[in-house]
Protein backbone atom coordinates (compact mmCIF):
# COMPACT_ATOMS: atom_id res chain seq x y z
CA MET A 1 -54.38 -42.80 110.97
CA PHE A 2 -53.83 -45.89 113.13
CA ASP A 3 -56.33 -44.59 115.71
CA GLU A 4 -59.00 -44.25 113.03
CA PHE A 5 -58.37 -47.81 111.90
CA VAL A 6 -58.64 -49.13 115.46
CA PHE A 7 -61.93 -47.32 116.03
CA MET A 8 -63.26 -48.70 112.75
CA ILE A 9 -62.26 -52.30 113.48
CA ILE A 10 -63.46 -52.48 117.11
CA PRO A 11 -67.19 -52.75 116.20
CA PHE A 12 -66.43 -55.66 113.87
CA ILE A 13 -64.41 -57.44 116.53
CA MET A 14 -67.18 -56.92 119.09
CA PHE A 15 -69.81 -58.18 116.63
CA PHE A 16 -67.91 -61.39 115.89
CA LEU A 17 -67.09 -61.91 119.57
CA PHE A 18 -70.75 -61.69 120.63
CA PHE A 19 -71.87 -63.67 117.58
CA GLY A 20 -69.42 -66.43 118.49
CA ILE A 21 -70.60 -66.47 122.11
CA GLY A 22 -74.19 -66.69 120.89
CA ILE A 23 -73.43 -69.59 118.57
CA LEU A 24 -71.53 -71.47 121.29
CA GLY A 25 -74.34 -70.85 123.77
CA THR A 26 -76.92 -72.17 121.33
CA LEU A 27 -74.85 -75.26 120.55
CA PHE A 28 -74.42 -75.92 124.29
CA TRP A 29 -78.18 -75.49 124.80
CA LEU A 30 -78.94 -77.91 121.97
CA TRP A 31 -76.44 -80.48 123.31
CA ILE A 32 -77.95 -80.32 126.81
CA LEU A 33 -81.50 -80.54 125.42
CA ILE A 34 -80.63 -83.67 123.42
CA ASP A 35 -78.71 -85.14 126.38
CA CYS A 36 -81.71 -84.63 128.65
CA ALA A 37 -84.18 -86.05 126.14
CA MET A 38 -82.10 -89.13 125.37
CA LYS A 39 -80.48 -90.05 128.69
CA GLU A 40 -82.73 -88.74 131.46
CA PRO A 41 -84.68 -91.66 132.98
CA SER A 42 -88.44 -91.49 132.56
CA GLU A 43 -89.48 -91.63 136.19
CA GLY A 44 -92.63 -89.64 136.70
CA ASN A 45 -92.56 -86.28 135.00
CA ASP A 46 -88.92 -85.44 135.73
CA LYS A 47 -87.79 -85.78 132.12
CA LEU A 48 -90.65 -83.65 130.79
CA ILE A 49 -90.15 -80.96 133.41
CA TRP A 50 -86.41 -80.72 132.72
CA ILE A 51 -87.03 -80.47 128.97
CA ILE A 52 -89.58 -77.68 129.51
CA VAL A 53 -87.21 -75.84 131.85
CA ILE A 54 -84.34 -76.11 129.35
CA ILE A 55 -86.50 -74.97 126.43
CA PHE A 56 -88.06 -71.95 128.13
CA THR A 57 -85.00 -70.70 130.01
CA HIS A 58 -82.53 -71.42 127.20
CA LEU A 59 -78.93 -71.01 128.37
CA LEU A 60 -79.75 -70.51 132.05
CA GLY A 61 -81.78 -73.72 132.19
CA ALA A 62 -79.09 -75.61 130.31
CA LEU A 63 -76.44 -74.43 132.77
CA VAL A 64 -78.60 -75.40 135.76
CA TYR A 65 -79.20 -78.84 134.27
CA PHE A 66 -75.51 -79.27 133.42
CA PHE A 67 -74.21 -78.35 136.89
CA VAL A 68 -77.05 -79.61 139.11
CA ARG A 69 -78.95 -82.50 137.57
CA ARG A 70 -76.51 -84.07 135.08
CA PRO A 71 -73.79 -85.01 137.64
CA LYS A 72 -76.46 -86.49 139.91
CA ARG A 73 -77.93 -88.47 137.01
CA ILE A 74 -74.52 -89.79 135.98
CA GLU A 75 -73.76 -90.78 139.57
CA GLU A 76 -77.09 -92.60 140.00
CA TYR A 77 -77.51 -94.19 136.57
CA GLY A 78 -74.01 -94.16 135.12
CA ARG A 79 -74.97 -92.42 131.89
């Protein structure tokens, strides 16, 4: 009886786990998109290119921006 319950509950746990990861990923993407749009300096087309990269590559682009460009921007411009 316990085994049947476990096999019935596992799909629900997996659904909520992946749903939660998806929500967190989307919120992170939105935060990075707003951060780029508001704080990235407008020198040339850098800001526009980063926004396009973040929009079209979703989470991957947001992670690249977060780990590559954002620390460099904060170091150079202090914001």
